[in-house]
Amino acid sequence: MSLTQRGLDQEWLTTAEVAELLRVPIRTIYGWRSQRQNAPLAIRVGKHLRWRRTEVEAWLSNRPRR
């Protein structure tokens, strides 16, 4: 299986980068995860969290507008 098929060629974001992209504090990102709220899915790499940029963008586009 190639890197593309595994999704490893995509851009992976850190917690700080996701917080910056969403313009929220880093603590908000951790809070969403700990409360299991509807938030972009992350994977754990060792002790670090990583998000696929495409998944964060898809999550944003599917959020209801208020």
PDB file of N, CA and C in Angstrom:
ATOM      1  N   MET A   1       0.850  -1.178   0.000  1.00  0.00           N
ATOM      2  CA  MET A   1       0.000   0.000   0.000  1.00  0.00           C
ATOM      3  C   MET A   1       0.892   1.236   0.000  1.00  0.00           C
ATOM      4  N   SER A   2       0.581   2.185  -0.870  1.00  0.00           N
ATOM      5  CA  SER A   2       1.409   3.376  -0.997  1.00  0.00           C
ATOM      6  C   SER A   2       1.088   4.391   0.100  1.00  0.00           C
ATOM      7  N   LEU A   3       1.953   5.392   0.246  1.00  0.00           N
ATOM      8  CA  LEU A   3       1.717   6.455   1.222  1.00  0.00           C
ATOM      9  C   LEU A   3       0.423   7.192   0.927  1.00  0.00           C
ATOM     10  N   THR A   4       0.129   7.394  -0.356  1.00  0.00           N
ATOM     11  CA  THR A   4      -1.102   8.086  -0.735  1.00  0.00           C
ATOM     12  C   THR A   4      -2.319   7.291  -0.302  1.00  0.00           C
ATOM     13  N   GLN A   5      -2.305   5.977  -0.513  1.00  0.00           N
ATOM     14  CA  GLN A   5      -3.426   5.137  -0.123  1.00  0.00           C
ATOM     15  C   GLN A   5      -3.617   5.139   1.390  1.00  0.00           C
ATOM     16  N   ARG A   6      -2.553   5.263   2.141  1.00  0.00           N
ATOM     17  CA  ARG A   6      -2.632   5.286   3.599  1.00  0.00           C
ATOM     18  C   ARG A   6      -2.982   6.670   4.143  1.00  0.00           C
ATOM     19  N   GLY A   7      -2.933   7.694   3.306  1.00  0.00           N
ATOM     20  CA  GLY A   7      -3.227   9.045   3.751  1.00  0.00           C
ATOM     21  C   GLY A   7      -2.043   9.724   4.413  1.00  0.00           C
ATOM     22  N   LEU A   8      -0.852   9.137   4.267  1.00  0.00           N
ATOM     23  CA  LEU A   8       0.325   9.688   4.935  1.00  0.00           C
ATOM     24  C   LEU A   8       0.965  10.824   4.162  1.00  0.00           C
ATOM     25  N   ASP A   9       0.517  11.045   2.937  1.00  0.00           N
ATOM     26  CA  ASP A   9       1.071  12.134   2.146  1.00  0.00           C
ATOM     27  C   ASP A   9       0.312  13.438   2.377  1.00  0.00           C
ATOM     28  N   GLN A  10      -0.728  13.393   3.208  1.00  0.00           N
ATOM     29  CA  GLN A  10      -1.510  14.583   3.493  1.00  0.00           C
ATOM     30  C   GLN A  10      -0.801  15.453   4.524  1.00  0.00           C
ATOM     31  N   GLU A  11      -1.266  16.702   4.593  1.00  0.00           N
ATOM     32  CA  GLU A  11      -0.693  17.603   5.588  1.00  0.00           C
ATOM     33  C   GLU A  11      -1.326  17.313   6.946  1.00  0.00           C
ATOM     34  N   TRP A  12      -0.478  17.097   7.934  1.00  0.00           N
ATOM     35  CA  TRP A  12      -0.914  16.826   9.300  1.00  0.00           C
ATOM     36  C   TRP A  12      -0.658  18.066  10.141  1.00  0.00           C
ATOM     37  N   LEU A  13      -1.650  18.454  10.952  1.00  0.00           N
ATOM     38  CA  LEU A  13      -1.552  19.655  11.759  1.00  0.00           C
ATOM     39  C   LEU A  13      -1.341  19.314  13.226  1.00  0.00           C
ATOM     40  N   THR A  14      -0.614  20.180  13.912  1.00  0.00           N
ATOM     41  CA  THR A  14      -0.434  20.051  15.357  1.00  0.00           C
ATOM     42  C   THR A  14      -1.634  20.678  16.063  1.00  0.00           C
ATOM     43  N   THR A  15      -1.703  20.491  17.362  1.00  0.00           N
ATOM     44  CA  THR A  15      -2.766  21.099  18.157  1.00  0.00           C
ATOM     45  C   THR A  15      -2.730  22.619  18.021  1.00  0.00           C
ATOM     46  N   ALA A  16      -1.551  23.189  18.090  1.00  0.00           N
ATOM     47  CA  ALA A  16      -1.409  24.645  17.974  1.00  0.00           C
ATOM     48  C   ALA A  16      -1.867  25.130  16.598  1.00  0.00           C
ATOM     49  N   GLU A  17      -1.560  24.385  15.560  1.00  0.00           N
ATOM     50  CA  GLU A  17      -1.962  24.779  14.207  1.00  0.00           C
ATOM     51  C   GLU A  17      -3.480  24.700  14.030  1.00  0.00           C
ATOM     52  N   VAL A  18      -4.106  23.670  14.608  1.00  0.00           N
ATOM     53  CA  VAL A  18      -5.566  23.558  14.527  1.00  0.00           C
ATOM     54  C   VAL A  18      -6.208  24.718  15.288  1.00  0.00           C
ATOM     55  N   ALA A  19      -5.691  25.013  16.469  1.00  0.00           N
ATOM     56  CA  ALA A  19      -6.220  26.125  17.257  1.00  0.00           C
ATOM     57  C   ALA A  19      -6.079  27.444  16.495  1.00  0.00           C
ATOM     58  N   GLU A  20      -4.947  27.640  15.858  1.00  0.00           N
ATOM     59  CA  GLU A  20      -4.731  28.864  15.082  1.00  0.00           C
ATOM     60  C   GLU A  20      -5.688  28.923  13.887  1.00  0.00           C
ATOM     61  N   LEU A  21      -5.845  27.812  13.200  1.00  0.00           N
ATOM     62  CA  LEU A  21      -6.742  27.757  12.046  1.00  0.00           C
ATOM     63  C   LEU A  21      -8.180  28.080  12.451  1.00  0.00           C
ATOM     64  N   LEU A  22      -8.619  27.548  13.595  1.00  0.00           N
ATOM     65  CA  LEU A  22      -9.982  27.755  14.075  1.00  0.00           C
ATOM     66  C   LEU A  22     -10.119  29.034  14.892  1.00  0.00           C
ATOM     67  N   ARG A  23      -9.001  29.655  15.196  1.00  0.00           N
ATOM     68  CA  ARG A  23      -8.963  30.892  16.003  1.00  0.00           C
ATOM     69  C   ARG A  23      -9.608  30.700  17.369  1.00  0.00           C
ATOM     70  N   VAL A  24      -9.197  29.604  18.020  1.00  0.00           N
ATOM     71  CA  VAL A  24      -9.630  29.316  19.381  1.00  0.00           C
ATOM     72  C   VAL A  24      -8.390  28.991  20.206  1.00  0.00           C
ATOM     73  N   PRO A  25      -8.479  29.129  21.529  1.00  0.00           N
ATOM     74  CA  PRO A  25      -7.341  28.747  22.372  1.00  0.00           C
ATOM     75  C   PRO A  25      -7.053  27.240  22.284  1.00  0.00           C
ATOM     76  N   ILE A  26      -5.809  26.880  22.474  1.00  0.00           N
ATOM     77  CA  ILE A  26      -5.420  25.461  22.473  1.00  0.00           C
ATOM     78  C   ILE A  26      -6.231  24.694  23.516  1.00  0.00           C
ATOM     79  N   ARG A  27      -6.486  25.315  24.650  1.00  0.00           N
ATOM     80  CA  ARG A  27      -7.259  24.649  25.707  1.00  0.00           C
ATOM     81  C   ARG A  27      -8.654  24.264  25.215  1.00  0.00           C
ATOM     82  N   THR A  28      -9.220  25.043  24.305  1.00  0.00           N
ATOM     83  CA  THR A  28     -10.534  24.720  23.744  1.00  0.00           C
ATOM     84  C   THR A  28     -10.470  23.413  22.964  1.00  0.00           C
ATOM     85  N   ILE A  29      -9.408  23.237  22.194  1.00  0.00           N
ATOM     86  CA  ILE A  29      -9.239  21.994  21.423  1.00  0.00           C
ATOM     87  C   ILE A  29      -9.172  20.800  22.376  1.00  0.00           C
ATOM     88  N   TYR A  30      -8.363  20.917  23.423  1.00  0.00           N
ATOM     89  CA  TYR A  30      -8.262  19.828  24.396  1.00  0.00           C
ATOM     90  C   TYR A  30      -9.591  19.601  25.120  1.00  0.00           C
ATOM     91  N   GLY A  31     -10.306  20.681  25.400  1.00  0.00           N
ATOM     92  CA  GLY A  31     -11.606  20.562  26.060  1.00  0.00           C
ATOM     93  C   GLY A  31     -12.609  19.810  25.211  1.00  0.00           C
ATOM     94  N   TRP A  32     -12.642  20.137  23.912  1.00  0.00           N
ATOM     95  CA  TRP A  32     -13.537  19.416  23.001  1.00  0.00           C
ATOM     96  C   TRP A  32     -13.244  17.925  23.035  1.00  0.00           C
ATOM     97  N   ARG A  33     -11.963  17.584  23.012  1.00  0.00           N
ATOM     98  CA  ARG A  33     -11.591  16.162  23.008  1.00  0.00           C
ATOM     99  C   ARG A  33     -11.966  15.481  24.314  1.00  0.00           C
ATOM    100  N   SER A  34     -11.697  16.134  25.430  1.00  0.00           N
ATOM    101  CA  SER A  34     -11.963  15.491  26.724  1.00  0.00           C
ATOM    102  C   SER A  34     -13.465  15.354  26.982  1.00  0.00           C
ATOM    103  N   GLN A  35     -14.261  16.272  26.442  1.00  0.00           N
ATOM    104  CA  GLN A  35     -15.713  16.208  26.607  1.00  0.00           C
ATOM    105  C   GLN A  35     -16.380  15.410  25.490  1.00  0.00           C
ATOM    106  N   ARG A  36     -15.574  14.901  24.560  1.00  0.00           N
ATOM    107  CA  ARG A  36     -16.063  14.118  23.429  1.00  0.00           C
ATOM    108  C   ARG A  36     -17.117  14.881  22.628  1.00  0.00           C
ATOM    109  N   GLN A  37     -16.897  16.175  22.491  1.00  0.00           N
ATOM    110  CA  GLN A  37     -17.806  16.991  21.702  1.00  0.00           C
ATOM    111  C   GLN A  37     -17.520  16.785  20.227  1.00  0.00           C
ATOM    112  N   ASN A  38     -18.446  17.248  19.408  1.00  0.00           N
ATOM    113  CA  ASN A  38     -18.258  17.153  17.968  1.00  0.00           C
ATOM    114  C   ASN A  38     -17.077  18.026  17.569  1.00  0.00           C
ATOM    115  N   ALA A  39     -15.977  17.404  17.297  1.00  0.00           N
ATOM    116  CA  ALA A  39     -14.749  18.108  16.930  1.00  0.00           C
ATOM    117  C   ALA A  39     -14.025  17.293  15.866  1.00  0.00           C
ATOM    118  N   PRO A  40     -13.098  17.911  15.164  1.00  0.00           N
ATOM    119  CA  PRO A  40     -12.332  17.141  14.172  1.00  0.00           C
ATOM    120  C   PRO A  40     -11.636  15.960  14.842  1.00  0.00           C
ATOM    121  N   LEU A  41     -11.591  14.848  14.133  1.00  0.00           N
ATOM    122  CA  LEU A  41     -10.923  13.664  14.669  1.00  0.00           C
ATOM    123  C   LEU A  41      -9.413  13.824  14.587  1.00  0.00           C
ATOM    124  N   ALA A  42      -8.740  13.362  15.621  1.00  0.00           N
ATOM    125  CA  ALA A  42      -7.280  13.418  15.679  1.00  0.00           C
ATOM    126  C   ALA A  42      -6.741  12.016  15.881  1.00  0.00           C
ATOM    127  N   ILE A  43      -5.492  11.841  15.563  1.00  0.00           N
ATOM    128  CA  ILE A  43      -4.814  10.590  15.893  1.00  0.00           C
ATOM    129  C   ILE A  43      -3.668  10.915  16.831  1.00  0.00           C
ATOM    130  N   ARG A  44      -3.278   9.939  17.604  1.00  0.00           N
ATOM    131  CA  ARG A  44      -2.174  10.115  18.528  1.00  0.00           C
ATOM    132  C   ARG A  44      -0.934   9.497  17.889  1.00  0.00           C
ATOM    133  N   VAL A  45       0.126  10.288  17.852  1.00  0.00           N
ATOM    134  CA  VAL A  45       1.426   9.821  17.377  1.00  0.00           C
ATOM    135  C   VAL A  45       2.363   9.946  18.569  1.00  0.00           C
ATOM    136  N   GLY A  46       2.598   8.813  19.225  1.00  0.00           N
ATOM    137  CA  GLY A  46       3.329   8.879  20.490  1.00  0.00           C
ATOM    138  C   GLY A  46       2.467   9.632  21.487  1.00  0.00           C
ATOM    139  N   LYS A  47       2.999  10.718  22.050  1.00  0.00           N
ATOM    140  CA  LYS A  47       2.208  11.514  22.986  1.00  0.00           C
ATOM    141  C   LYS A  47       1.627  12.769  22.331  1.00  0.00           C
ATOM    142  N   HIS A  48       1.746  12.872  21.022  1.00  0.00           N
ATOM    143  CA  HIS A  48       1.303  14.053  20.294  1.00  0.00           C
ATOM    144  C   HIS A  48       0.026  13.771  19.516  1.00  0.00           C
ATOM    145  N   LEU A  49      -0.822  14.794  19.375  1.00  0.00           N
ATOM    146  CA  LEU A  49      -2.039  14.693  18.571  1.00  0.00           C
ATOM    147  C   LEU A  49      -1.782  15.312  17.208  1.00  0.00           C
ATOM    148  N   ARG A  50      -2.353  14.690  16.180  1.00  0.00           N
ATOM    149  CA  ARG A  50      -2.236  15.225  14.823  1.00  0.00           C
ATOM    150  C   ARG A  50      -3.590  15.116  14.130  1.00  0.00           C
ATOM    151  N   TRP A  51      -3.885  16.121  13.319  1.00  0.00           N
ATOM    152  CA  TRP A  51      -5.116  16.181  12.553  1.00  0.00           C
ATOM    153  C   TRP A  51      -4.778  16.292  11.086  1.00  0.00           C
ATOM    154  N   ARG A  52      -5.551  15.620  10.240  1.00  0.00           N
ATOM    155  CA  ARG A  52      -5.420  15.825   8.797  1.00  0.00           C
ATOM    156  C   ARG A  52      -6.078  17.154   8.454  1.00  0.00           C
ATOM    157  N   ARG A  53      -5.373  17.996   7.711  1.00  0.00           N
ATOM    158  CA  ARG A  53      -5.936  19.287   7.319  1.00  0.00           C
ATOM    159  C   ARG A  53      -7.262  19.093   6.587  1.00  0.00           C
ATOM    160  N   THR A  54      -7.330  18.081   5.713  1.00  0.00           N
ATOM    161  CA  THR A  54      -8.556  17.856   4.942  1.00  0.00           C
ATOM    162  C   THR A  54      -9.736  17.528   5.855  1.00  0.00           C
ATOM    163  N   GLU A  55      -9.505  16.793   6.939  1.00  0.00           N
ATOM    164  CA  GLU A  55     -10.590  16.454   7.867  1.00  0.00           C
ATOM    165  C   GLU A  55     -11.037  17.673   8.658  1.00  0.00           C
ATOM    166  N   VAL A  56     -10.095  18.521   9.051  1.00  0.00           N
ATOM    167  CA  VAL A  56     -10.454  19.748   9.774  1.00  0.00           C
ATOM    168  C   VAL A  56     -11.284  20.648   8.861  1.00  0.00           C
ATOM    169  N   GLU A  57     -10.865  20.779   7.615  1.00  0.00           N
ATOM    170  CA  GLU A  57     -11.604  21.616   6.667  1.00  0.00           C
ATOM    171  C   GLU A  57     -12.992  21.036   6.385  1.00  0.00           C
ATOM    172  N   ALA A  58     -13.104  19.725   6.270  1.00  0.00           N
ATOM    173  CA  ALA A  58     -14.408  19.086   6.057  1.00  0.00           C
ATOM    174  C   ALA A  58     -15.307  19.291   7.273  1.00  0.00           C
ATOM    175  N   TRP A  59     -14.744  19.174   8.470  1.00  0.00           N
ATOM    176  CA  TRP A  59     -15.501  19.398   9.705  1.00  0.00           C
ATOM    177  C   TRP A  59     -16.041  20.826   9.725  1.00  0.00           C
ATOM    178  N   LEU A  60     -15.207  21.780   9.340  1.00  0.00           N
ATOM    179  CA  LEU A  60     -15.628  23.178   9.308  1.00  0.00           C
ATOM    180  C   LEU A  60     -16.770  23.393   8.331  1.00  0.00           C
ATOM    181  N   SER A  61     -16.666  22.807   7.163  1.00  0.00           N
ATOM    182  CA  SER A  61     -17.691  23.035   6.137  1.00  0.00           C
ATOM    183  C   SER A  61     -19.016  22.357   6.481  1.00  0.00           C
ATOM    184  N   ASN A  62     -18.989  21.354   7.343  1.00  0.00           N
ATOM    185  CA  ASN A  62     -20.221  20.642   7.729  1.00  0.00           C
ATOM    186  C   ASN A  62     -20.866  21.194   8.995  1.00  0.00           C
ATOM    187  N   ARG A  63     -20.260  22.208   9.609  1.00  0.00           N
ATOM    188  CA  ARG A  63     -20.816  22.802  10.825  1.00  0.00           C
ATOM    189  C   ARG A  63     -22.047  23.625  10.464  1.00  0.00           C
ATOM    190  N   PRO A  64     -23.093  23.535  11.292  1.00  0.00           N
ATOM    191  CA  PRO A  64     -24.270  24.372  11.025  1.00  0.00           C
ATOM    192  C   PRO A  64     -23.933  25.850  11.223  1.00  0.00           C
ATOM    193  N   ARG A  65     -24.483  26.679  10.384  1.00  0.00           N
ATOM    194  CA  ARG A  65     -24.261  28.128  10.500  1.00  0.00           C
ATOM    195  C   ARG A  65     -25.326  28.720  11.388  1.00  0.00           C
ATOM    196  N   ARG A  66     -24.889  29.598  12.275  1.00  0.00           N
ATOM    197  CA  ARG A  66     -25.831  30.229  13.213  1.00  0.00           C
ATOM    198  C   ARG A  66     -25.861  31.710  13.001  1.00  0.00           C
TER     199      ARG A  66
END
